[in-house]
């Protein structure tokens, strides 16, 4: 009988570690945003944490408009 550790390849373990780290980062950012919202702290002063943990969030600013969302999701070659 194979144990769970033996059945998993190193690539699967790496993928699980990446997924868990992404989930933890999302939970940290969500908790921090909730804290800022409930304590009425201006988010512009504390945007650095978001940029450090998720630098690609800068690129999501184009999704604010309908045209930007269409281009962003469907892409332009």
Foldseek 3Di string as FASTA:
>chain_A
DDDPVVVDDPVRVVVVVVVVLVVVLVVVVVVVVVVCVVVVPDVVVVCVSVCVSPVCVVVCVLCPDPVSVVCVVVHDD
